[in-house]
Structure formats: C-alpha cells, structure tokens
N, C-alpha and C. Protein backbone atom coordinates (compact mmCIF):
# COMPACT_ATOMS: atom_id res chain seq x y z
N MET A 1 0.95 -0.90 0.16
CA MET A 1 -0.01 0.39 0.20
C MET A 1 0.84 1.28 -0.03
N THR A 2 0.33 2.29 -0.67
CA THR A 2 1.50 3.48 -0.98
C THR A 2 0.52 4.06 0.27
N GLU A 3 1.54 5.21 0.90
CA GLU A 3 1.56 5.93 1.99
C GLU A 3 1.03 7.55 1.11
N THR A 4 0.31 8.25 1.22
CA THR A 4 0.37 9.52 1.15
C THR A 4 0.68 10.46 2.05
N SER A 5 1.44 11.59 1.42
CA SER A 5 1.79 12.86 2.66
C SER A 5 1.39 14.13 1.99
N GLY A 6 1.51 15.04 2.90
CA GLY A 6 1.59 16.22 2.02
C GLY A 6 0.63 17.18 2.35
N PRO A 7 0.31 18.45 1.81
CA PRO A 7 -0.96 19.11 2.40
C PRO A 7 -1.96 18.73 2.11
N LEU A 8 -2.88 18.68 2.98
CA LEU A 8 -4.43 18.42 2.76
C LEU A 8 -4.95 19.19 1.39
N VAL A 9 -6.15 19.07 0.82
CA VAL A 9 -6.58 19.31 -0.61
C VAL A 9 -7.54 20.58 -0.01
N GLY A 10 -7.59 21.70 -0.05
CA GLY A 10 -8.37 22.71 0.11
C GLY A 10 -9.35 22.51 -0.46
N HIS A 11 -10.95 22.78 -0.01
CA HIS A 11 -11.90 22.82 -0.57
C HIS A 11 -13.17 23.46 -0.18
N VAL A 12 -13.71 24.42 -0.50
CA VAL A 12 -15.16 24.90 -0.72
C VAL A 12 -16.12 24.86 -1.46
N HIS A 13 -17.48 25.04 -0.70
CA HIS A 13 -18.33 24.92 -2.23
C HIS A 13 -19.03 26.05 -2.23
N SER A 14 -20.01 26.35 -3.53
CA SER A 14 -20.00 27.83 -3.96
C SER A 14 -21.31 27.85 -2.64
N ASP A 15 -21.87 27.07 -2.40
CA ASP A 15 -23.53 27.41 -1.41
C ASP A 15 -22.97 27.95 -0.37
N ASP A 16 -21.69 27.69 -0.13
CA ASP A 16 -21.34 28.18 1.26
C ASP A 16 -20.70 29.34 1.51
N ILE A 17 -20.61 30.41 -0.49
CA ILE A 17 -19.90 31.62 -0.27
C ILE A 17 -21.41 32.37 -0.87
N PRO A 18 -21.91 33.32 0.08
CA PRO A 18 -22.73 34.23 -0.22
C PRO A 18 -22.50 35.31 -1.48
N TRP A 19 -23.08 35.14 -2.19
CA TRP A 19 -23.43 35.95 -3.38
C TRP A 19 -23.60 37.62 -3.20
N VAL A 20 -22.54 38.68 -3.68
CA VAL A 20 -23.23 39.90 -3.01
C VAL A 20 -23.18 40.77 -4.23
N THR A 21 -23.98 41.62 -4.59
CA THR A 21 -23.78 42.51 -5.80
C THR A 21 -23.73 43.98 -5.66
N ILE A 22 -22.99 44.85 -6.80
CA ILE A 22 -23.34 45.95 -6.72
C ILE A 22 -23.41 46.30 -8.32
N GLY A 23 -24.39 46.85 -8.62
CA GLY A 23 -25.18 47.21 -10.01
C GLY A 23 -25.18 46.12 -10.40
N PRO A 24 -24.77 45.99 -11.55
CA PRO A 24 -25.05 44.60 -12.86
C PRO A 24 -23.98 43.76 -12.14
N VAL A 25 -23.42 43.53 -11.15
CA VAL A 25 -22.15 42.42 -11.21
C VAL A 25 -22.59 41.76 -9.73
N GLY A 26 -22.60 40.95 -10.04
CA GLY A 26 -22.77 39.18 -8.79
C GLY A 26 -21.21 39.11 -8.73
N LEU A 27 -20.77 38.99 -7.45
CA LEU A 27 -19.10 38.37 -7.06
C LEU A 27 -19.45 37.31 -6.11
N GLN A 28 -19.00 36.10 -5.98
CA GLN A 28 -18.46 35.24 -5.32
C GLN A 28 -16.91 35.36 -5.11
N VAL A 29 -16.78 35.33 -3.87
CA VAL A 29 -14.49 34.93 -3.87
C VAL A 29 -14.46 33.59 -3.61
N LEU A 30 -13.98 32.51 -4.36
CA LEU A 30 -13.76 31.30 -3.83
C LEU A 30 -12.45 31.20 -3.57
N ARG A 31 -11.30 32.04 -3.70
CA ARG A 31 -10.10 31.67 -3.22
C ARG A 31 -8.87 33.29 -3.58
N VAL A 32 -8.22 33.36 -2.32
CA VAL A 32 -7.29 34.53 -2.55
C VAL A 32 -6.00 33.59 -2.20
N SER A 33 -5.32 34.11 -3.08
CA SER A 33 -3.53 33.79 -2.31
C SER A 33 -2.14 34.94 -2.87
N PRO A 34 -1.16 34.73 -2.27
CA PRO A 34 -0.80 36.34 -3.06
C PRO A 34 -0.32 36.09 -4.38
N ASP A 35 -0.63 34.74 -5.20
CA ASP A 35 -0.56 34.47 -6.52
C ASP A 35 -1.20 34.34 -7.44
N THR A 36 -2.56 34.12 -7.01
CA THR A 36 -3.54 33.19 -7.37
C THR A 36 -4.93 33.97 -6.76
N TRP A 37 -5.79 34.44 -7.65
CA TRP A 37 -7.17 34.29 -7.38
C TRP A 37 -8.60 34.13 -8.50
N VAL A 38 -9.75 33.29 -7.47
CA VAL A 38 -10.69 32.77 -7.99
C VAL A 38 -11.98 33.49 -7.44
N VAL A 39 -12.44 34.16 -8.68
CA VAL A 39 -13.94 34.53 -8.78
C VAL A 39 -15.11 33.88 -9.65
N ARG A 40 -16.17 34.17 -9.06
CA ARG A 40 -17.03 33.54 -9.64
C ARG A 40 -18.55 35.28 -9.92
N ASN A 41 -18.43 35.49 -11.13
CA ASN A 41 -19.22 36.49 -11.84
C ASN A 41 -20.34 36.21 -12.11
N ARG A 42 -21.82 37.07 -12.12
CA ARG A 42 -22.94 37.26 -12.36
C ARG A 42 -22.87 38.22 -12.93
N PHE A 43 -22.76 38.29 -14.20
CA PHE A 43 -22.95 40.04 -14.96
C PHE A 43 -24.14 39.96 -15.61
N GLU A 44 -25.05 41.10 -15.63
CA GLU A 44 -26.06 41.57 -16.53
C GLU A 44 -25.54 41.65 -17.81
N ALA A 45 -26.47 41.87 -19.10
CA ALA A 45 -26.18 41.90 -20.34
C ALA A 45 -25.96 43.44 -20.25
N GLY A 46 -25.13 43.98 -21.05
CA GLY A 46 -24.59 45.15 -21.17
C GLY A 46 -23.45 46.08 -20.63
N PHE A 47 -22.97 45.04 -19.65
CA PHE A 47 -22.39 45.63 -18.60
C PHE A 47 -21.03 45.30 -19.39
N GLN A 48 -19.85 46.43 -19.06
CA GLN A 48 -18.76 46.46 -19.82
C GLN A 48 -17.68 46.70 -18.46
N LEU A 49 -16.63 46.13 -18.46
CA LEU A 49 -15.37 46.50 -17.80
C LEU A 49 -14.85 47.45 -18.23
N PRO A 50 -13.94 48.35 -17.98
CA PRO A 50 -13.19 49.62 -18.74
C PRO A 50 -11.79 47.97 -19.01
N THR A 51 -11.28 49.08 -20.09
CA THR A 51 -9.82 48.63 -20.77
C THR A 51 -8.91 47.97 -20.10
N HIS A 52 -8.59 46.66 -19.86
CA HIS A 52 -7.85 46.47 -18.84
C HIS A 52 -6.30 45.40 -19.33
N LYS A 53 -5.36 45.31 -18.39
CA LYS A 53 -4.44 44.44 -19.16
C LYS A 53 -3.91 43.72 -17.77
N HIS A 54 -4.34 42.23 -18.04
CA HIS A 54 -3.13 41.36 -17.18
C HIS A 54 -2.37 40.99 -16.84
N THR A 55 -1.59 41.32 -15.78
CA THR A 55 -0.18 40.96 -15.19
C THR A 55 0.22 39.25 -15.59
N GLY A 56 -0.62 38.42 -15.32
CA GLY A 56 -0.79 37.05 -15.11
C GLY A 56 -1.42 36.45 -15.88
N GLY A 57 -1.23 35.39 -16.04
CA GLY A 57 -2.37 34.44 -16.67
C GLY A 57 -4.03 34.36 -16.51
N VAL A 58 -4.88 33.94 -17.20
CA VAL A 58 -6.39 34.03 -16.97
C VAL A 58 -6.73 33.06 -17.26
N HIS A 59 -7.43 32.11 -16.23
CA HIS A 59 -8.49 30.98 -17.01
C HIS A 59 -10.04 31.37 -16.99
N ALA A 60 -10.69 30.92 -18.26
CA ALA A 60 -12.17 31.55 -17.04
C ALA A 60 -13.36 30.17 -18.20
N TYR A 61 -14.05 30.16 -17.45
CA TYR A 61 -15.24 28.99 -17.88
C TYR A 61 -16.51 29.85 -17.69
N THR A 62 -17.45 29.40 -19.07
CA THR A 62 -18.83 30.39 -19.06
C THR A 62 -19.59 29.34 -18.79
N PHE A 63 -20.38 29.21 -17.33
CA PHE A 63 -21.17 28.67 -16.93
C PHE A 63 -22.62 28.88 -17.75
N SER A 64 -22.82 30.03 -18.32
CA SER A 64 -24.23 30.48 -18.92
C SER A 64 -24.24 31.74 -19.09
N GLY A 65 -24.56 32.49 -20.48
CA GLY A 65 -24.38 33.20 -20.89
C GLY A 65 -24.07 33.83 -22.35
N ARG A 66 -23.65 34.57 -22.62
CA ARG A 66 -22.67 34.93 -23.87
C ARG A 66 -21.98 36.21 -23.71
N TRP A 67 -20.46 36.60 -23.54
CA TRP A 67 -20.04 37.62 -23.88
C TRP A 67 -19.02 37.65 -24.45
N ARG A 68 -17.76 38.75 -24.64
CA ARG A 68 -16.78 39.03 -25.76
C ARG A 68 -15.81 39.65 -25.15
N TYR A 69 -14.35 39.70 -25.68
CA TYR A 69 -13.72 41.06 -25.56
C TYR A 69 -14.20 41.68 -26.95
N LYS A 70 -14.32 43.32 -26.93
CA LYS A 70 -14.93 43.71 -27.87
C LYS A 70 -13.54 43.65 -29.01
N GLU A 71 -12.32 43.36 -28.16
CA GLU A 71 -11.29 43.61 -29.47
C GLU A 71 -10.98 42.30 -30.20
N TYR A 72 -11.42 41.25 -30.15
CA TYR A 72 -11.44 40.47 -30.63
C TYR A 72 -12.54 39.64 -31.55
N GLY A 73 -13.66 40.18 -31.17
CA GLY A 73 -14.95 39.83 -32.15
C GLY A 73 -15.17 38.14 -31.51
N ILE A 74 -15.03 37.46 -30.78
CA ILE A 74 -15.37 36.00 -30.84
C ILE A 74 -15.94 36.12 -29.01
N ASP A 75 -16.95 35.53 -29.50
CA ASP A 75 -18.30 35.12 -28.61
C ASP A 75 -17.97 34.20 -27.79
N TYR A 76 -17.85 33.78 -26.35
CA TYR A 76 -17.98 32.84 -25.67
C TYR A 76 -19.27 33.01 -24.82
N ARG A 77 -19.55 31.73 -25.20
CA ARG A 77 -21.05 31.05 -25.01
C ARG A 77 -21.16 30.21 -23.65
N ALA A 78 -22.02 29.72 -22.97
CA ALA A 78 -22.33 28.42 -22.20
C ALA A 78 -20.97 27.49 -22.73
N GLY A 79 -20.50 26.89 -21.91
CA GLY A 79 -19.34 25.55 -22.02
C GLY A 79 -17.99 25.88 -22.39
N THR A 80 -17.65 27.68 -22.69
CA THR A 80 -16.33 27.55 -23.22
C THR A 80 -15.75 28.19 -22.00
N PHE A 81 -14.55 27.35 -22.52
CA PHE A 81 -13.35 27.90 -21.52
C PHE A 81 -12.41 28.32 -22.36
N ILE A 82 -11.42 29.44 -21.53
CA ILE A 82 -10.76 30.40 -22.17
C ILE A 82 -9.44 30.34 -21.37
N HIS A 83 -7.95 30.74 -22.14
CA HIS A 83 -6.86 31.05 -21.32
C HIS A 83 -6.15 32.22 -22.24
N GLU A 84 -6.47 33.15 -20.89
CA GLU A 84 -5.53 34.33 -21.50
C GLU A 84 -3.99 34.52 -21.24
N PRO A 85 -3.09 34.73 -22.03
CA PRO A 85 -1.92 34.71 -21.49
C PRO A 85 -1.56 36.09 -21.04
N PRO A 86 -0.27 36.46 -19.82
CA PRO A 86 0.18 37.61 -19.20
C PRO A 86 0.23 38.40 -20.39
N GLY A 87 -0.23 39.81 -19.99
CA GLY A 87 0.22 40.71 -20.79
C GLY A 87 -1.34 40.96 -21.61
N SER A 88 -2.30 40.37 -21.78
CA SER A 88 -3.24 40.47 -22.46
C SER A 88 -4.11 41.42 -21.98
N VAL A 89 -4.23 42.72 -23.23
CA VAL A 89 -5.15 43.69 -23.14
C VAL A 89 -6.70 43.68 -23.97
N HIS A 90 -7.44 44.15 -23.08
CA HIS A 90 -9.17 43.90 -23.96
C HIS A 90 -10.12 44.52 -22.79
N THR A 91 -11.19 44.79 -23.50
CA THR A 91 -12.32 45.35 -22.60
C THR A 91 -13.62 44.38 -22.66
N LEU A 92 -13.87 43.55 -21.56
CA LEU A 92 -14.98 42.96 -21.47
C LEU A 92 -16.13 43.22 -21.56
N THR A 93 -17.22 42.97 -22.38
CA THR A 93 -18.70 43.03 -22.90
C THR A 93 -19.35 41.93 -22.37
N ILE A 94 -20.53 42.03 -21.61
CA ILE A 94 -21.38 40.97 -21.66
C ILE A 94 -22.78 41.34 -22.91
N GLU A 95 -22.80 40.23 -23.51
CA GLU A 95 -24.18 40.60 -24.68
C GLU A 95 -24.98 39.52 -23.83
N GLU A 96 -25.13 38.64 -23.07
CA GLU A 96 -26.36 38.12 -22.42
C GLU A 96 -25.72 38.15 -20.87
N ASP A 97 -27.07 37.78 -19.98
CA ASP A 97 -26.43 37.90 -18.66
C ASP A 97 -26.06 36.50 -18.76
N SER A 98 -24.99 36.67 -17.95
CA SER A 98 -23.72 35.35 -18.19
C SER A 98 -23.22 35.36 -16.54
N ASP A 99 -22.58 33.39 -16.34
CA ASP A 99 -21.95 33.96 -15.19
C ASP A 99 -20.86 32.53 -15.48
N ILE A 100 -19.83 33.39 -14.89
CA ILE A 100 -18.41 33.30 -15.36
C ILE A 100 -17.53 33.32 -14.04
N LEU A 101 -16.69 31.76 -14.35
CA LEU A 101 -15.96 31.89 -13.39
C LEU A 101 -14.39 31.96 -13.57
N PHE A 102 -13.69 32.83 -12.93
CA PHE A 102 -12.23 33.44 -13.69
C PHE A 102 -10.86 32.82 -12.75
N ILE A 103 -9.82 32.53 -13.27
CA ILE A 103 -8.90 31.90 -12.37
C ILE A 103 -7.93 33.31 -12.66
N LEU A 104 -7.31 33.93 -12.08
CA LEU A 104 -6.61 34.65 -12.62
C LEU A 104 -5.19 34.93 -11.69
N GLU A 105 -4.21 34.96 -12.39
CA GLU A 105 -2.79 35.40 -11.82
C GLU A 105 -2.23 36.82 -11.87
N GLY A 106 -1.80 37.01 -10.63
CA GLY A 106 -1.75 38.59 -10.86
C GLY A 106 -2.56 39.63 -10.45
N ALA A 107 -2.27 40.65 -11.34
CA ALA A 107 -3.62 41.66 -10.99
C ALA A 107 -4.25 41.98 -12.51
N PHE A 108 -4.82 43.06 -12.70
CA PHE A 108 -5.24 43.71 -13.80
C PHE A 108 -4.92 44.65 -13.58
N ILE A 109 -4.88 45.96 -14.46
CA ILE A 109 -4.33 47.11 -14.74
C ILE A 109 -5.70 47.78 -15.44
N GLU A 110 -6.55 48.61 -14.51
CA GLU A 110 -7.50 49.45 -15.69
C GLU A 110 -7.02 51.00 -16.67
N TYR A 111 -7.45 50.69 -17.71
CA TYR A 111 -7.29 51.89 -18.13
C TYR A 111 -8.08 53.22 -18.78
N ASP A 112 -8.10 54.67 -18.93
CA ASP A 112 -8.98 54.88 -19.47
C ASP A 112 -9.12 55.24 -20.80
N ALA A 113 -10.22 56.27 -21.69
CA ALA A 113 -10.07 55.83 -22.93
C ALA A 113 -8.20 56.44 -23.60
N ASP A 114 -7.69 57.29 -22.73
CA ASP A 114 -6.51 58.03 -22.92
C ASP A 114 -5.35 57.04 -22.73
N GLY A 115 -5.62 56.00 -22.17
CA GLY A 115 -4.58 55.43 -21.67
C GLY A 115 -3.64 55.36 -20.47
N ASN A 116 -4.61 55.93 -19.93
CA ASN A 116 -4.09 56.64 -18.40
C ASN A 116 -4.47 55.46 -17.48
N ILE A 117 -3.83 55.09 -16.42
CA ILE A 117 -4.10 54.00 -15.36
C ILE A 117 -5.00 54.56 -14.64
N THR A 118 -6.18 53.72 -14.19
CA THR A 118 -6.82 54.19 -13.33
C THR A 118 -7.65 53.82 -12.22
N GLY A 119 -6.97 52.26 -12.29
CA GLY A 119 -6.87 51.50 -10.83
C GLY A 119 -5.96 50.20 -11.76
N VAL A 120 -6.12 49.28 -10.47
CA VAL A 120 -5.46 48.24 -10.30
C VAL A 120 -6.10 47.21 -9.16
N THR A 121 -6.44 46.16 -9.74
CA THR A 121 -7.19 45.09 -9.04
C THR A 121 -6.60 43.84 -8.98
N ASP A 122 -6.21 43.35 -7.84
CA ASP A 122 -5.47 42.03 -7.79
C ASP A 122 -6.51 41.32 -6.48
N GLY A 123 -6.05 40.30 -6.53
CA GLY A 123 -6.90 39.50 -5.30
C GLY A 123 -7.33 40.36 -4.28
N GLU A 124 -6.39 40.61 -3.39
CA GLU A 124 -6.38 41.28 -1.95
C GLU A 124 -7.19 42.17 -1.94
N SER A 125 -7.14 42.91 -2.86
CA SER A 125 -8.16 44.03 -2.89
C SER A 125 -9.57 44.07 -3.66
N THR A 126 -9.64 42.88 -4.13
CA THR A 126 -10.96 42.01 -4.57
C THR A 126 -11.91 41.43 -3.31
N LEU A 127 -10.91 40.77 -2.49
CA LEU A 127 -11.54 40.34 -1.27
C LEU A 127 -11.78 41.31 -0.60
N ASN A 128 -10.96 42.25 -0.01
CA ASN A 128 -11.53 43.20 0.70
C ASN A 128 -12.65 44.31 0.23
N ALA A 129 -12.92 44.33 -1.00
CA ALA A 129 -14.50 45.03 -1.68
C ALA A 129 -15.13 43.98 -1.19
N TYR A 130 -14.94 42.66 -1.67
CA TYR A 130 -15.98 41.30 -0.92
C TYR A 130 -16.68 41.56 0.16
N TYR A 131 -15.68 41.57 1.15
CA TYR A 131 -16.15 41.57 2.24
C TYR A 131 -16.92 43.09 3.11
N ALA A 132 -16.21 44.00 2.01
CA ALA A 132 -16.98 45.42 2.34
C ALA A 132 -18.58 45.28 2.00
N MET A 133 -18.46 44.73 0.78
CA MET A 133 -20.03 44.38 0.40
C MET A 133 -21.14 43.50 0.86
N CYS A 134 -20.29 42.47 1.45
CA CYS A 134 -20.95 41.91 2.53
C CYS A 134 -21.24 42.67 3.93
N ASP A 135 -20.61 43.52 4.55
CA ASP A 135 -20.34 44.16 5.69
C ASP A 135 -22.11 44.92 5.05
N ASP A 136 -21.71 45.74 3.91
CA ASP A 136 -22.96 46.53 3.69
C ASP A 136 -24.36 46.26 3.63
N ALA A 137 -24.27 44.98 3.18
CA ALA A 137 -25.73 43.80 3.04
C ALA A 137 -26.45 43.36 4.17
N GLY A 138 -25.03 43.48 5.40
CA GLY A 138 -25.53 42.68 6.31
C GLY A 138 -25.27 41.47 6.45
N ILE A 139 -24.37 40.96 5.21
CA ILE A 139 -23.99 39.47 5.35
C ILE A 139 -23.04 38.81 6.04
N PRO A 140 -23.28 38.11 7.03
CA PRO A 140 -21.98 37.68 7.62
C PRO A 140 -20.88 37.32 6.27
N ARG A 141 -19.26 37.85 7.06
CA ARG A 141 -18.10 37.06 6.29
C ARG A 141 -18.05 35.73 6.20
N PRO A 142 -18.08 35.05 4.93
CA PRO A 142 -17.87 33.54 5.23
C PRO A 142 -16.33 33.43 5.83
N GLN A 143 -16.54 32.01 6.08
CA GLN A 143 -15.53 31.45 6.66
C GLN A 143 -14.77 30.45 5.53
N GLY A 144 -15.37 30.22 4.50
CA GLY A 144 -14.27 29.11 3.87
C GLY A 144 -13.61 29.55 2.67
N ILE A 145 -13.57 30.61 2.75
CA ILE A 145 -12.60 31.45 1.09
C ILE A 145 -11.11 30.81 1.44
N LEU A 146 -11.05 30.15 0.27
CA LEU A 146 -9.84 29.55 0.95
C LEU A 146 -8.35 30.32 0.12
N SER A 147 -7.47 29.96 0.94
CA SER A 147 -6.11 31.09 0.66
C SER A 147 -4.84 30.53 0.02
C-alpha cells in the first residue's frame, strides 16, 4: 500500500460563499492567495469592464450566457473555456446575462480612453471589496474562502 503525505486538499462549496451584488455585477470570491485568485461573477447584459491589462494569465469558464472581448470579435458562450496569456489587453463586454468563473494570476490594470491608469485590481483588493459588500448588505463574512 502506498502512503500519501503532503498538504491537505483545500475545498469550498459555492453554496457556502454568499453572492454579493453591486449594480449589474454579482460576485463570489472562492480563493485568494498571494499569486492566484478565483472569483465567480454574474454579469447583467450590457455591462462592460474598463479596458484592462493582465499581469498574469487568466483562465475562464462560462456557465451560462454570452460575452466577448470587444477587441477580438469572438463570442464566449455557455460551455466555453478560455486562457488569456499574461499581458493580454482587452475590454470585457457582456452580451447576455452571464455566469463566469475566473482564475486569475497577478493583477489587472485598468485604463481610461486616453491610456491613463485608473486602477489596479488584484486578489487582496477584490477580497477586501467583497468583504465590504458583505458588511454593507448585512451578510456575515464567509469563513470558507481558500487561501
């Protein structure tokens, strides 16, 4: 018999992490570590993120809906898995109400129409914003978010 050792597998069930909503965006934070963060978003049709650049790679899986990066002209619909290499620059636009899981490395840098940096978002800032939204909504902060 082979013995196994090493760290325990971290796990969280999405039912244990409450959704918070701000405007047309729903958010669940599933994992935040120094290098990687995992979020699930529900976006309403018509929503658009500012143009942004990723410092690390991104993986995304679409559970439902249809969305695109306006620069690429490709629709990502339910069942689509994508990978974005580090350095990708694009503008996320939501064509239909969408439910998407993102696994992000590093941060993303937001730009205005003139190319000026308007913000930087990473796992820690996303977790802090998520907790603030939980607090504002009177939702207890979940204990199961992985690190």
